[in-house]
Amino acid sequence: MAVIRGAEARRSETPAGVMTTFASPTQGGASRSLWKVEARPGAVGPVHDFDSEQVWSWVAGAATVELGGETYHVAAGDTVVMPARTVRRVLADPAAGYTAVVTAPGGARASGPDGADFGVPPWIA
């Protein structure tokens, strides 16, 4: 068992938001990664895909999720299961932004909509 203290959480920043990793293969030796996404109001995530399922649960704010050709409006209390190999994009609410907690298998690889390998994001590694 590993205890990861709050002060040890790893932060990664992108143009779309801040990811705070709570556990991952390189942080506590977990087989699954668990992180928080904080997106500023109006932030637009990239169009991308993953080789494994992700589960997103919104704890604050709201977002529009484009997933596999469908569009979903979600808010605090909603959860979205994003299947593997399903192109997605998350757009933060223009007024509130959002905070979500996400989990995926450790080492999950991201790719572009054209299949280009983006590798393992640092918040999942």
N, C-alpha and C. Protein backbone atom coordinates (compact mmCIF):
# COMPACT_ATOMS: atom_id res chain seq x y z
N MET A 1 0.84 -1.18 0.00
CA MET A 1 0.00 0.00 0.00
C MET A 1 0.89 1.24 0.00
N ALA A 2 0.48 2.23 -0.75
CA ALA A 2 1.20 3.50 -0.78
C ALA A 2 0.25 4.61 -0.35
N VAL A 3 0.77 5.55 0.41
CA VAL A 3 0.02 6.73 0.79
C VAL A 3 0.66 7.91 0.05
N ILE A 4 -0.15 8.59 -0.73
CA ILE A 4 0.33 9.74 -1.48
C ILE A 4 -0.28 10.97 -0.85
N ARG A 5 0.53 11.76 -0.24
CA ARG A 5 0.06 12.96 0.47
C ARG A 5 -0.33 14.05 -0.53
N GLY A 6 -1.26 14.89 -0.12
CA GLY A 6 -1.72 15.97 -0.99
C GLY A 6 -0.59 16.83 -1.52
N ALA A 7 0.41 17.07 -0.71
CA ALA A 7 1.54 17.90 -1.13
C ALA A 7 2.38 17.21 -2.20
N GLU A 8 2.21 15.88 -2.36
CA GLU A 8 2.97 15.13 -3.36
C GLU A 8 2.25 15.00 -4.69
N ALA A 9 1.01 15.47 -4.77
CA ALA A 9 0.25 15.36 -6.02
C ALA A 9 1.02 16.08 -7.12
N ARG A 10 1.05 15.47 -8.29
CA ARG A 10 1.80 16.02 -9.43
C ARG A 10 0.86 16.86 -10.28
N ARG A 11 1.29 18.07 -10.64
CA ARG A 11 0.48 18.97 -11.46
C ARG A 11 1.09 19.07 -12.86
N SER A 12 0.21 18.99 -13.86
CA SER A 12 0.59 19.16 -15.26
C SER A 12 -0.33 20.20 -15.84
N GLU A 13 0.23 21.14 -16.59
CA GLU A 13 -0.58 22.22 -17.14
C GLU A 13 -0.53 22.17 -18.66
N THR A 14 -1.71 22.34 -19.29
CA THR A 14 -1.82 22.43 -20.75
C THR A 14 -2.63 23.69 -21.06
N PRO A 15 -2.74 24.08 -22.32
CA PRO A 15 -3.57 25.24 -22.64
C PRO A 15 -5.04 25.05 -22.22
N ALA A 16 -5.50 23.79 -22.12
CA ALA A 16 -6.90 23.53 -21.80
C ALA A 16 -7.17 23.44 -20.30
N GLY A 17 -6.15 23.24 -19.48
CA GLY A 17 -6.41 23.11 -18.05
C GLY A 17 -5.23 22.61 -17.25
N VAL A 18 -5.51 22.34 -15.98
CA VAL A 18 -4.50 21.82 -15.06
C VAL A 18 -4.95 20.44 -14.61
N MET A 19 -4.06 19.46 -14.76
CA MET A 19 -4.32 18.11 -14.30
C MET A 19 -3.49 17.86 -13.05
N THR A 20 -4.13 17.39 -12.00
CA THR A 20 -3.46 17.06 -10.75
C THR A 20 -3.56 15.55 -10.57
N THR A 21 -2.42 14.87 -10.64
CA THR A 21 -2.39 13.42 -10.51
C THR A 21 -2.36 13.03 -9.05
N PHE A 22 -3.32 12.18 -8.66
CA PHE A 22 -3.39 11.68 -7.29
C PHE A 22 -2.70 10.34 -7.16
N ALA A 23 -2.78 9.48 -8.20
CA ALA A 23 -2.13 8.16 -8.20
C ALA A 23 -1.92 7.73 -9.63
N SER A 24 -0.83 7.00 -9.87
CA SER A 24 -0.51 6.50 -11.21
C SER A 24 0.62 5.48 -11.04
N PRO A 25 1.03 4.81 -12.12
CA PRO A 25 2.14 3.86 -12.00
C PRO A 25 3.42 4.50 -11.44
N THR A 26 3.67 5.76 -11.79
CA THR A 26 4.88 6.42 -11.30
C THR A 26 4.64 7.23 -10.03
N GLN A 27 3.42 7.24 -9.57
CA GLN A 27 3.08 7.96 -8.33
C GLN A 27 2.27 7.02 -7.45
N GLY A 28 2.97 6.25 -6.65
CA GLY A 28 2.32 5.30 -5.75
C GLY A 28 2.26 3.89 -6.29
N GLY A 29 2.69 3.67 -7.53
CA GLY A 29 2.72 2.33 -8.09
C GLY A 29 1.34 1.77 -8.42
N ALA A 30 0.34 2.63 -8.62
CA ALA A 30 -1.02 2.17 -8.91
C ALA A 30 -1.13 1.63 -10.33
N SER A 31 -2.01 0.67 -10.54
CA SER A 31 -2.23 0.15 -11.89
C SER A 31 -3.20 1.05 -12.67
N ARG A 32 -3.99 1.84 -11.96
CA ARG A 32 -4.88 2.82 -12.57
C ARG A 32 -4.40 4.21 -12.20
N SER A 33 -4.64 5.14 -13.09
CA SER A 33 -4.33 6.54 -12.80
C SER A 33 -5.60 7.25 -12.38
N LEU A 34 -5.44 8.18 -11.44
CA LEU A 34 -6.56 8.98 -10.96
C LEU A 34 -6.08 10.41 -10.91
N TRP A 35 -6.83 11.31 -11.57
CA TRP A 35 -6.42 12.71 -11.60
C TRP A 35 -7.63 13.62 -11.64
N LYS A 36 -7.37 14.88 -11.33
CA LYS A 36 -8.39 15.93 -11.37
C LYS A 36 -8.07 16.86 -12.53
N VAL A 37 -9.10 17.25 -13.28
CA VAL A 37 -8.95 18.21 -14.36
C VAL A 37 -9.67 19.49 -13.93
N GLU A 38 -8.97 20.61 -13.99
CA GLU A 38 -9.57 21.92 -13.73
C GLU A 38 -9.42 22.74 -15.00
N ALA A 39 -10.56 23.02 -15.64
CA ALA A 39 -10.55 23.77 -16.89
C ALA A 39 -11.14 25.15 -16.65
N ARG A 40 -10.43 26.14 -17.13
CA ARG A 40 -10.89 27.52 -16.96
C ARG A 40 -12.11 27.75 -17.86
N PRO A 41 -12.91 28.75 -17.55
CA PRO A 41 -14.08 29.04 -18.38
C PRO A 41 -13.71 29.20 -19.85
N GLY A 42 -14.46 28.51 -20.71
CA GLY A 42 -14.25 28.61 -22.15
C GLY A 42 -13.11 27.79 -22.71
N ALA A 43 -12.38 27.05 -21.88
CA ALA A 43 -11.26 26.24 -22.37
C ALA A 43 -11.77 25.16 -23.33
N VAL A 44 -11.01 24.91 -24.38
CA VAL A 44 -11.38 23.91 -25.38
C VAL A 44 -10.27 22.87 -25.44
N GLY A 45 -10.61 21.64 -25.08
CA GLY A 45 -9.64 20.55 -25.15
C GLY A 45 -9.41 20.13 -26.58
N PRO A 46 -8.33 19.40 -26.83
CA PRO A 46 -8.03 18.95 -28.19
C PRO A 46 -8.93 17.79 -28.62
N VAL A 47 -9.11 17.64 -29.91
CA VAL A 47 -9.77 16.46 -30.45
C VAL A 47 -8.73 15.34 -30.38
N HIS A 48 -9.08 14.24 -29.69
CA HIS A 48 -8.13 13.16 -29.51
C HIS A 48 -8.86 11.86 -29.18
N ASP A 49 -8.08 10.83 -28.92
CA ASP A 49 -8.60 9.51 -28.63
C ASP A 49 -7.68 8.85 -27.60
N PHE A 50 -8.11 7.75 -27.03
CA PHE A 50 -7.29 6.96 -26.11
C PHE A 50 -7.44 5.49 -26.43
N ASP A 51 -6.43 4.72 -26.08
CA ASP A 51 -6.46 3.28 -26.34
C ASP A 51 -7.17 2.50 -25.25
N SER A 52 -7.70 3.19 -24.25
CA SER A 52 -8.41 2.52 -23.16
C SER A 52 -9.53 3.42 -22.65
N GLU A 53 -10.43 2.79 -21.93
CA GLU A 53 -11.58 3.52 -21.38
C GLU A 53 -11.14 4.54 -20.34
N GLN A 54 -11.85 5.66 -20.30
CA GLN A 54 -11.70 6.66 -19.25
C GLN A 54 -13.08 6.89 -18.64
N VAL A 55 -13.10 7.18 -17.34
CA VAL A 55 -14.34 7.54 -16.66
C VAL A 55 -14.13 8.93 -16.07
N TRP A 56 -14.98 9.87 -16.48
CA TRP A 56 -14.94 11.26 -16.03
C TRP A 56 -16.15 11.52 -15.16
N SER A 57 -15.94 12.15 -13.99
CA SER A 57 -17.03 12.53 -13.11
C SER A 57 -16.88 14.01 -12.76
N TRP A 58 -17.90 14.79 -13.11
CA TRP A 58 -17.84 16.24 -12.88
C TRP A 58 -18.22 16.55 -11.44
N VAL A 59 -17.37 17.37 -10.79
CA VAL A 59 -17.63 17.76 -9.39
C VAL A 59 -17.98 19.24 -9.26
N ALA A 60 -17.71 20.03 -10.29
CA ALA A 60 -18.06 21.46 -10.28
C ALA A 60 -18.14 21.95 -11.73
N GLY A 61 -18.93 22.98 -11.94
CA GLY A 61 -19.03 23.59 -13.26
C GLY A 61 -19.79 22.73 -14.25
N ALA A 62 -19.51 22.96 -15.53
CA ALA A 62 -20.22 22.26 -16.60
C ALA A 62 -19.34 22.19 -17.84
N ALA A 63 -19.72 21.31 -18.76
CA ALA A 63 -18.94 21.13 -19.99
C ALA A 63 -19.83 20.57 -21.08
N THR A 64 -19.32 20.67 -22.30
CA THR A 64 -19.90 19.98 -23.44
C THR A 64 -18.89 18.91 -23.84
N VAL A 65 -19.36 17.68 -23.94
CA VAL A 65 -18.50 16.56 -24.31
C VAL A 65 -18.91 16.10 -25.70
N GLU A 66 -17.95 16.14 -26.62
CA GLU A 66 -18.15 15.59 -27.96
C GLU A 66 -17.49 14.21 -27.93
N LEU A 67 -18.29 13.17 -28.14
CA LEU A 67 -17.82 11.80 -27.97
C LEU A 67 -18.41 10.90 -29.05
N GLY A 68 -17.55 10.42 -29.93
CA GLY A 68 -18.01 9.50 -30.96
C GLY A 68 -19.11 10.04 -31.85
N GLY A 69 -19.05 11.32 -32.17
CA GLY A 69 -20.04 11.92 -33.05
C GLY A 69 -21.30 12.41 -32.35
N GLU A 70 -21.39 12.21 -31.04
CA GLU A 70 -22.53 12.69 -30.25
C GLU A 70 -22.07 13.86 -29.39
N THR A 71 -23.01 14.69 -28.94
CA THR A 71 -22.70 15.82 -28.07
C THR A 71 -23.54 15.70 -26.80
N TYR A 72 -22.86 15.85 -25.66
CA TYR A 72 -23.51 15.74 -24.36
C TYR A 72 -23.19 16.98 -23.53
N HIS A 73 -24.20 17.52 -22.86
CA HIS A 73 -23.99 18.63 -21.94
C HIS A 73 -24.02 18.03 -20.54
N VAL A 74 -22.94 18.26 -19.78
CA VAL A 74 -22.81 17.66 -18.45
C VAL A 74 -22.52 18.74 -17.42
N ALA A 75 -22.83 18.41 -16.17
CA ALA A 75 -22.61 19.35 -15.06
C ALA A 75 -22.24 18.55 -13.82
N ALA A 76 -21.95 19.28 -12.74
CA ALA A 76 -21.57 18.65 -11.48
C ALA A 76 -22.55 17.53 -11.14
N GLY A 77 -22.01 16.37 -10.78
CA GLY A 77 -22.82 15.20 -10.45
C GLY A 77 -22.96 14.22 -11.61
N ASP A 78 -22.63 14.64 -12.84
CA ASP A 78 -22.72 13.76 -14.00
C ASP A 78 -21.42 13.01 -14.22
N THR A 79 -21.53 11.80 -14.77
CA THR A 79 -20.37 10.97 -15.09
C THR A 79 -20.49 10.50 -16.53
N VAL A 80 -19.36 10.51 -17.24
CA VAL A 80 -19.31 10.05 -18.62
C VAL A 80 -18.28 8.94 -18.72
N VAL A 81 -18.70 7.79 -19.25
CA VAL A 81 -17.78 6.69 -19.54
C VAL A 81 -17.38 6.86 -21.00
N MET A 82 -16.08 7.11 -21.23
CA MET A 82 -15.57 7.33 -22.58
C MET A 82 -14.89 6.05 -23.04
N PRO A 83 -15.51 5.33 -23.99
CA PRO A 83 -14.92 4.07 -24.44
C PRO A 83 -13.58 4.28 -25.13
N ALA A 84 -12.77 3.23 -25.13
CA ALA A 84 -11.51 3.24 -25.86
C ALA A 84 -11.79 3.45 -27.34
N ARG A 85 -10.83 4.05 -28.00
CA ARG A 85 -10.88 4.24 -29.44
C ARG A 85 -12.17 4.94 -29.90
N THR A 86 -12.51 5.98 -29.15
CA THR A 86 -13.67 6.81 -29.49
C THR A 86 -13.22 8.26 -29.42
N VAL A 87 -13.19 8.94 -30.55
CA VAL A 87 -12.70 10.31 -30.62
C VAL A 87 -13.56 11.20 -29.72
N ARG A 88 -12.84 12.09 -28.98
CA ARG A 88 -13.53 12.94 -28.03
C ARG A 88 -12.90 14.31 -27.95
N ARG A 89 -13.69 15.23 -27.37
CA ARG A 89 -13.21 16.57 -27.03
C ARG A 89 -14.11 17.09 -25.93
N VAL A 90 -13.52 17.81 -24.96
CA VAL A 90 -14.28 18.38 -23.85
C VAL A 90 -14.11 19.89 -23.89
N LEU A 91 -15.24 20.59 -23.88
CA LEU A 91 -15.25 22.05 -23.93
C LEU A 91 -15.83 22.57 -22.62
N ALA A 92 -15.08 23.40 -21.93
CA ALA A 92 -15.53 23.93 -20.63
C ALA A 92 -16.63 24.96 -20.82
N ASP A 93 -17.53 24.99 -19.85
CA ASP A 93 -18.59 25.99 -19.83
C ASP A 93 -17.96 27.39 -19.92
N PRO A 94 -18.49 28.27 -20.79
CA PRO A 94 -17.89 29.60 -20.95
C PRO A 94 -17.92 30.46 -19.70
N ALA A 95 -18.88 30.23 -18.81
CA ALA A 95 -18.98 31.05 -17.60
C ALA A 95 -18.33 30.40 -16.39
N ALA A 96 -18.46 29.08 -16.26
CA ALA A 96 -18.05 28.42 -15.02
C ALA A 96 -16.81 27.56 -15.13
N GLY A 97 -16.42 27.16 -16.36
CA GLY A 97 -15.35 26.16 -16.46
C GLY A 97 -15.84 24.86 -15.85
N TYR A 98 -14.91 23.99 -15.44
CA TYR A 98 -15.33 22.76 -14.77
C TYR A 98 -14.17 22.16 -13.98
N THR A 99 -14.54 21.31 -13.06
CA THR A 99 -13.60 20.43 -12.37
C THR A 99 -14.17 19.03 -12.49
N ALA A 100 -13.33 18.08 -12.90
CA ALA A 100 -13.73 16.68 -13.04
C ALA A 100 -12.64 15.80 -12.45
N VAL A 101 -13.05 14.64 -11.94
CA VAL A 101 -12.11 13.61 -11.49
C VAL A 101 -12.18 12.50 -12.53
N VAL A 102 -11.00 12.02 -12.95
CA VAL A 102 -10.91 11.07 -14.07
C VAL A 102 -10.06 9.88 -13.66
N THR A 103 -10.42 8.70 -14.18
CA THR A 103 -9.59 7.53 -13.99
C THR A 103 -9.46 6.78 -15.32
N ALA A 104 -8.29 6.15 -15.49
CA ALA A 104 -7.99 5.34 -16.67
C ALA A 104 -6.87 4.38 -16.28
N PRO A 105 -6.67 3.32 -17.04
CA PRO A 105 -5.54 2.44 -16.75
C PRO A 105 -4.23 3.22 -16.85
N GLY A 106 -3.32 2.92 -15.95
CA GLY A 106 -2.00 3.54 -16.02
C GLY A 106 -1.35 3.24 -17.36
N GLY A 107 -0.68 4.21 -17.91
CA GLY A 107 -0.01 4.03 -19.20
C GLY A 107 -0.91 4.16 -20.40
N ALA A 108 -2.16 4.62 -20.21
CA ALA A 108 -3.07 4.80 -21.35
C ALA A 108 -2.44 5.77 -22.35
N ARG A 109 -2.51 5.42 -23.63
CA ARG A 109 -1.89 6.22 -24.68
C ARG A 109 -2.92 7.05 -25.42
N ALA A 110 -2.56 8.30 -25.65
CA ALA A 110 -3.41 9.21 -26.41
C ALA A 110 -3.00 9.18 -27.88
N SER A 111 -3.96 9.50 -28.73
CA SER A 111 -3.66 9.59 -30.15
C SER A 111 -4.52 10.69 -30.76
N GLY A 112 -4.12 11.10 -31.94
CA GLY A 112 -4.89 12.07 -32.68
C GLY A 112 -6.06 11.40 -33.38
N PRO A 113 -7.00 12.17 -33.89
CA PRO A 113 -8.15 11.58 -34.58
C PRO A 113 -7.72 10.78 -35.82
N ASP A 114 -6.51 11.07 -36.33
CA ASP A 114 -5.98 10.35 -37.49
C ASP A 114 -5.16 9.13 -37.09
N GLY A 115 -5.08 8.86 -35.76
CA GLY A 115 -4.32 7.71 -35.28
C GLY A 115 -2.88 8.01 -34.90
N ALA A 116 -2.42 9.24 -35.10
CA ALA A 116 -1.04 9.60 -34.74
C ALA A 116 -0.85 9.40 -33.24
N ASP A 117 0.22 8.72 -32.86
CA ASP A 117 0.49 8.40 -31.45
C ASP A 117 1.02 9.62 -30.72
N PHE A 118 0.29 10.07 -29.67
CA PHE A 118 0.72 11.20 -28.85
C PHE A 118 1.45 10.72 -27.60
N GLY A 119 1.44 9.41 -27.34
CA GLY A 119 2.12 8.87 -26.17
C GLY A 119 1.25 8.90 -24.92
N VAL A 120 1.91 8.69 -23.79
CA VAL A 120 1.23 8.65 -22.49
C VAL A 120 1.32 10.05 -21.86
N PRO A 121 0.20 10.70 -21.62
CA PRO A 121 0.25 12.02 -20.98
C PRO A 121 0.87 11.93 -19.58
N PRO A 122 1.56 12.97 -19.14
CA PRO A 122 2.23 12.90 -17.84
C PRO A 122 1.31 12.67 -16.67
N TRP A 123 0.04 13.06 -16.75
CA TRP A 123 -0.87 12.87 -15.63
C TRP A 123 -1.35 11.42 -15.54
N ILE A 124 -1.08 10.60 -16.57
CA ILE A 124 -1.48 9.20 -16.56
C ILE A 124 -0.28 8.29 -16.30
N ALA A 125 0.91 8.78 -16.56
CA ALA A 125 2.13 7.96 -16.44
C ALA A 125 2.41 7.56 -15.01
